[in-house]
């Protein structure tokens, strides 16, 4: 059975120049990054933390992609819309993006015009996650072990999590710093608050992994405790559409 496309309300056409297109001298120049610093920006934790993140990312990339079984039982589910109340929540911008044949990335920003406050790389193929969003609700749970020695560490600052998609173990999720190309993507999308589409690249872009696909939406960020944080996708005007919840939890 063919997978139905994303709801039309989420598909806001966006005309963007190709990444690294050789068509002209001007197009080969990367756009200037004018994204603003987020209000809660903190100083770097130092070179040791950066080295640890690089090591974790290197190990994570060596693992095979485990294709998740994102089939949520039909009926009885609670639909998450902008109208629903989540006490203490704040609105942020979330962008799912990646080359269709590679792992999906999620960037969280305070606003579409700010630098990312969180970038995750998940062991789920981009095309698979977008396909599952087109047919139903997707819940992603990111779990890490609770350690008394790290009670001062924010949960979203943990370097690696076990990843579950609709209850199925699907590999791992890793936090990392955005690459230069990803900052260019955020810059190109700075005027887009909500929408989905494809960013064209030249023949060498993405290592032959296909076009770079993205979906951007508002999310409601709810901090339950030091050991739990959740991001709920918000659909415009309470209309039905792709539904995604991301749960961070220490267990």
Protein backbone atom coordinates (compact mmCIF):
# COMPACT_ATOMS: atom_id res chain seq x y z
CA UNK A 1 0.00 0.00 0.00
CA UNK A 2 1.36 3.39 -0.98
CA UNK A 3 2.33 5.68 1.89
CA UNK A 4 0.18 8.85 1.98
CA UNK A 5 2.16 12.09 1.72
CA UNK A 6 2.53 14.60 4.51
CA UNK A 7 -0.45 16.84 5.09
CA UNK A 8 -0.56 19.77 2.62
CA UNK A 9 -0.57 22.26 5.47
CA UNK A 10 2.90 21.09 6.43
CA UNK A 11 4.23 21.23 2.89
CA UNK A 12 5.08 24.89 2.47
CA UNK A 13 6.99 25.33 -0.82
CA UNK A 14 10.36 26.88 -0.29
CA UNK A 15 12.61 27.98 -3.12
CA UNK A 16 16.20 27.65 -2.00
CA UNK A 17 19.49 27.68 -3.91
CA UNK A 18 21.43 24.43 -4.25
CA UNK A 19 24.13 23.66 -1.68
CA UNK A 20 27.49 24.02 -3.38
CA UNK A 21 25.96 24.42 -6.84
CA UNK A 22 28.62 25.08 -9.50
CA UNK A 23 26.29 27.09 -11.73
CA UNK A 24 27.90 30.39 -10.98
CA UNK A 25 30.77 31.89 -9.07
CA UNK A 26 28.37 33.46 -6.59
CA UNK A 27 26.58 30.16 -5.87
CA UNK A 28 29.83 28.45 -4.84
CA UNK A 29 30.27 30.92 -2.00
CA UNK A 30 28.73 29.75 1.25
CA UNK A 31 26.14 32.16 2.64
CA UNK A 32 27.21 34.23 5.62
CA UNK A 33 26.00 32.74 8.89
CA UNK A 34 23.94 35.46 10.58
CA UNK A 35 22.11 33.21 13.05
CA UNK A 36 21.84 34.74 16.50
CA UNK A 37 23.20 33.30 19.72
CA UNK A 38 20.43 31.69 21.81
CA UNK A 39 19.57 33.50 25.03
CA UNK A 40 20.58 30.54 27.19
CA UNK A 41 23.96 30.04 25.49
CA UNK A 42 26.59 28.80 27.92
CA UNK A 43 30.34 28.60 27.67
CA UNK A 44 31.98 25.53 26.23
CA UNK A 45 32.76 22.79 28.76
CA UNK A 46 36.29 22.57 27.44
CA UNK A 47 38.48 20.50 25.18
CA UNK A 48 38.05 17.29 27.22
CA UNK A 49 34.29 17.33 26.68
CA UNK A 50 34.76 18.04 22.97
CA UNK A 51 37.16 15.11 22.66
CA UNK A 52 34.68 12.84 24.43
CA UNK A 53 31.87 13.89 22.08
CA UNK A 54 34.09 13.24 19.06
CA UNK A 55 34.94 9.76 20.34
CA UNK A 56 31.29 8.94 21.04
CA UNK A 57 30.29 10.17 17.60
CA UNK A 58 33.04 8.11 15.96
CA UNK A 59 31.82 4.93 17.69
CA UNK A 60 28.19 5.76 16.86
CA UNK A 61 28.93 6.21 13.15
CA UNK A 62 30.60 2.80 13.05
CA UNK A 63 27.37 1.10 14.15
CA UNK A 64 24.94 -0.20 11.50
CA UNK A 65 21.59 1.49 11.03
CA UNK A 66 18.83 -0.52 12.68
CA UNK A 67 15.65 0.11 10.73
CA UNK A 68 12.92 0.85 13.31
CA UNK A 69 9.47 -0.72 13.25
CA UNK A 70 7.55 2.54 13.69
CA UNK A 71 4.04 1.10 13.66
CA UNK A 72 1.94 2.62 16.41
CA UNK A 73 -1.28 0.75 17.30
CA UNK A 74 -4.32 2.41 15.76
CA UNK A 75 -7.16 3.85 17.80
CA UNK A 76 -7.26 5.17 21.33
CA UNK A 77 -4.21 7.40 20.88
CA UNK A 78 -4.16 10.97 22.15
CA UNK A 79 -3.44 13.47 19.40
CA UNK A 80 -1.07 16.25 20.30
CA UNK A 81 -2.05 19.65 18.94
CA UNK A 82 -1.23 23.25 19.66
CA UNK A 83 -4.56 23.54 21.51
CA UNK A 84 -3.61 20.96 24.10
CA UNK A 85 -2.22 22.28 27.36
CA UNK A 86 1.22 21.23 28.54
CA UNK A 87 1.85 23.31 31.65
CA UNK A 88 5.20 25.07 31.77
CA UNK A 89 5.97 24.47 28.09
CA UNK A 90 7.88 26.87 25.87
CA UNK A 91 7.78 27.03 22.08
CA UNK A 92 10.92 26.24 20.08
CA UNK A 93 11.71 25.42 16.46
CA UNK A 94 12.59 21.85 15.50
CA UNK A 95 14.05 20.72 12.16
CA UNK A 96 14.36 17.12 11.00
CA UNK A 97 16.85 16.86 8.14
CA UNK A 98 19.29 14.57 6.41
CA UNK A 99 20.12 12.82 3.16
CA UNK A 100 17.41 10.27 2.51
CA UNK A 101 19.71 7.25 2.76
CA UNK A 102 21.55 8.36 5.91
CA UNK A 103 20.72 8.87 9.57
CA UNK A 104 18.28 11.63 10.41
CA UNK A 105 19.36 14.71 12.33
CA UNK A 106 17.21 16.87 14.60
CA UNK A 107 18.12 20.48 15.34
CA UNK A 108 16.35 22.46 18.09
CA UNK A 109 16.48 26.27 17.98
CA UNK A 110 14.93 28.94 20.16
CA UNK A 111 13.76 30.62 16.95
CA UNK A 112 14.32 29.90 13.23
CA UNK A 113 16.91 32.70 13.24
CA UNK A 114 19.04 31.45 16.15
CA UNK A 115 21.90 29.00 16.36
CA UNK A 116 20.88 25.46 17.38
CA UNK A 117 20.76 24.77 21.11
CA UNK A 118 20.65 21.02 20.46
CA UNK A 119 21.65 18.80 17.52
CA UNK A 120 20.92 15.08 17.62
CA UNK A 121 21.93 12.33 15.23
CA UNK A 122 19.59 9.32 15.42
CA UNK A 123 20.14 5.78 14.11
CA UNK A 124 17.00 6.01 11.94
CA UNK A 125 17.20 6.59 8.16
CA UNK A 126 15.78 10.00 7.20
CA UNK A 127 13.46 8.54 4.57
CA UNK A 128 12.09 5.97 7.03
CA UNK A 129 11.23 8.51 9.71
CA UNK A 130 9.54 10.88 7.26
CA UNK A 131 7.60 7.97 5.81
CA UNK A 132 6.35 6.93 9.25
CA UNK A 133 5.36 10.50 10.07
CA UNK A 134 3.19 10.42 6.96
CA UNK A 135 1.09 7.52 8.25
CA UNK A 136 0.71 8.14 11.97
CA UNK A 137 2.03 9.22 15.32
CA UNK A 138 5.72 8.66 16.07
CA UNK A 139 7.13 8.65 19.59
CA UNK A 140 10.87 8.72 20.05
CA UNK A 141 12.28 7.94 23.50
CA UNK A 142 15.91 8.66 24.31
CA UNK A 143 17.05 6.97 27.51
CA UNK A 144 20.30 7.17 29.43
CA UNK A 145 21.46 5.75 32.73
CA UNK A 146 20.97 7.81 35.87
CA UNK A 147 24.32 8.32 37.60
CA UNK A 148 24.59 10.11 40.99
CA UNK A 149 27.95 11.60 40.00
CA UNK A 150 26.30 13.57 37.15
CA UNK A 151 23.30 15.09 38.91
CA UNK A 152 24.36 18.57 37.74
CA UNK A 153 24.37 17.55 34.06
CA UNK A 154 21.30 18.63 32.11
CA UNK A 155 19.60 15.69 30.47
CA UNK A 156 19.95 17.16 26.97
CA UNK A 157 23.71 17.51 27.61
CA UNK A 158 24.19 13.76 27.89
CA UNK A 159 26.43 12.56 25.02
CA UNK A 160 24.57 9.37 24.04
CA UNK A 161 21.17 7.72 24.58
CA UNK A 162 19.49 4.41 23.86
CA UNK A 163 16.90 5.08 21.15
CA UNK A 164 13.35 3.67 21.04
CA UNK A 165 10.84 4.39 18.28
CA UNK A 166 7.25 3.59 19.26
CA UNK A 167 8.56 1.14 21.84
CA UNK A 168 11.02 -0.63 19.52
CA UNK A 169 14.75 -0.47 20.25
CA UNK A 170 16.26 1.32 17.25
CA UNK A 171 19.92 1.83 18.06
CA UNK A 172 21.32 4.99 19.61
CA UNK A 173 21.05 8.75 19.55
CA UNK A 174 24.06 11.05 19.89
CA UNK A 175 24.33 14.72 20.72
CA UNK A 176 26.95 16.64 18.75
CA UNK A 177 27.99 20.05 17.55
CA UNK A 178 26.52 21.23 14.22
CA UNK A 179 28.80 20.92 11.20
CA UNK A 180 29.54 23.80 8.86
CA UNK A 181 27.15 22.40 6.25
CA UNK A 182 24.39 22.07 8.83
CA UNK A 183 24.82 25.69 9.88
CA UNK A 184 24.46 26.59 6.19
CA UNK A 185 21.21 24.59 6.10
CA UNK A 186 19.91 26.44 9.18
CA UNK A 187 20.90 29.72 7.57
CA UNK A 188 19.08 28.86 4.33
CA UNK A 189 15.97 27.97 6.34
CA UNK A 190 16.10 30.98 8.67
CA UNK A 191 13.00 32.54 7.05
CA UNK A 192 11.00 29.27 7.21
CA UNK A 193 9.08 28.77 10.45
CA UNK A 194 7.16 25.70 9.30
CA UNK A 195 7.29 23.50 6.21
CA UNK A 196 8.89 20.53 4.48
CA UNK A 197 10.84 20.05 1.27
CA UNK A 198 14.12 19.12 -0.38
CA UNK A 199 17.30 21.15 -0.60
CA UNK A 200 19.02 20.46 -3.94
CA UNK A 201 22.74 19.73 -3.87
CA UNK A 202 25.34 19.26 -6.58
CA UNK A 203 26.37 15.80 -7.76
CA UNK A 204 29.01 15.54 -5.06
CA UNK A 205 26.78 16.64 -2.18
CA UNK A 206 26.05 14.14 0.55
CA UNK A 207 28.51 11.60 -0.79
CA UNK A 208 25.97 10.30 -3.30
CA UNK A 209 23.35 9.79 -0.61
CA UNK A 210 20.56 11.65 -2.41
CA UNK A 211 18.86 14.99 -1.83
CA UNK A 212 18.85 16.60 1.58
CA UNK A 213 15.29 16.41 2.92
CA UNK A 214 13.93 18.56 5.74
CA UNK A 215 10.80 19.09 7.79
CA UNK A 216 10.48 22.07 10.12
CA UNK A 217 7.80 22.74 12.75
CA UNK A 218 7.16 24.39 16.08
CA UNK A 219 7.67 22.18 19.12
CA UNK A 220 6.54 22.64 22.69
CA UNK A 221 9.36 21.99 25.14
CA UNK A 222 8.22 20.66 28.51
CA UNK A 223 10.72 20.11 31.34
CA UNK A 224 9.25 17.55 33.73
CA UNK A 225 12.23 17.26 36.07
CA UNK A 226 16.02 17.13 36.04
CA UNK A 227 15.68 13.64 34.56
CA UNK A 228 12.95 14.19 31.96
CA UNK A 229 12.32 16.59 29.09
CA UNK A 230 9.85 16.31 26.21
CA UNK A 231 9.37 17.99 22.82
CA UNK A 232 5.87 17.86 21.27
CA UNK A 233 5.35 18.80 17.62
CA UNK A 234 2.70 21.52 17.28
CA UNK A 235 0.42 21.54 14.23
CA UNK A 236 -1.02 24.87 13.03
CA UNK A 237 -4.53 25.80 14.22
CA UNK A 238 -5.01 22.35 15.74
CA UNK A 239 -5.24 20.65 12.33
CA UNK A 240 -4.26 17.02 11.91
CA UNK A 241 -0.88 16.30 10.39
CA UNK A 242 2.46 14.65 11.16
CA UNK A 243 2.74 13.98 14.89
CA UNK A 244 6.04 13.57 16.67
CA UNK A 245 6.98 13.49 20.34
CA UNK A 246 10.57 13.23 21.57
CA UNK A 247 11.13 12.13 25.16
CA UNK A 248 14.44 12.45 27.02
CA UNK A 249 14.61 10.43 30.23
CA UNK A 250 17.15 9.13 32.71
CA UNK A 251 16.35 5.68 34.06
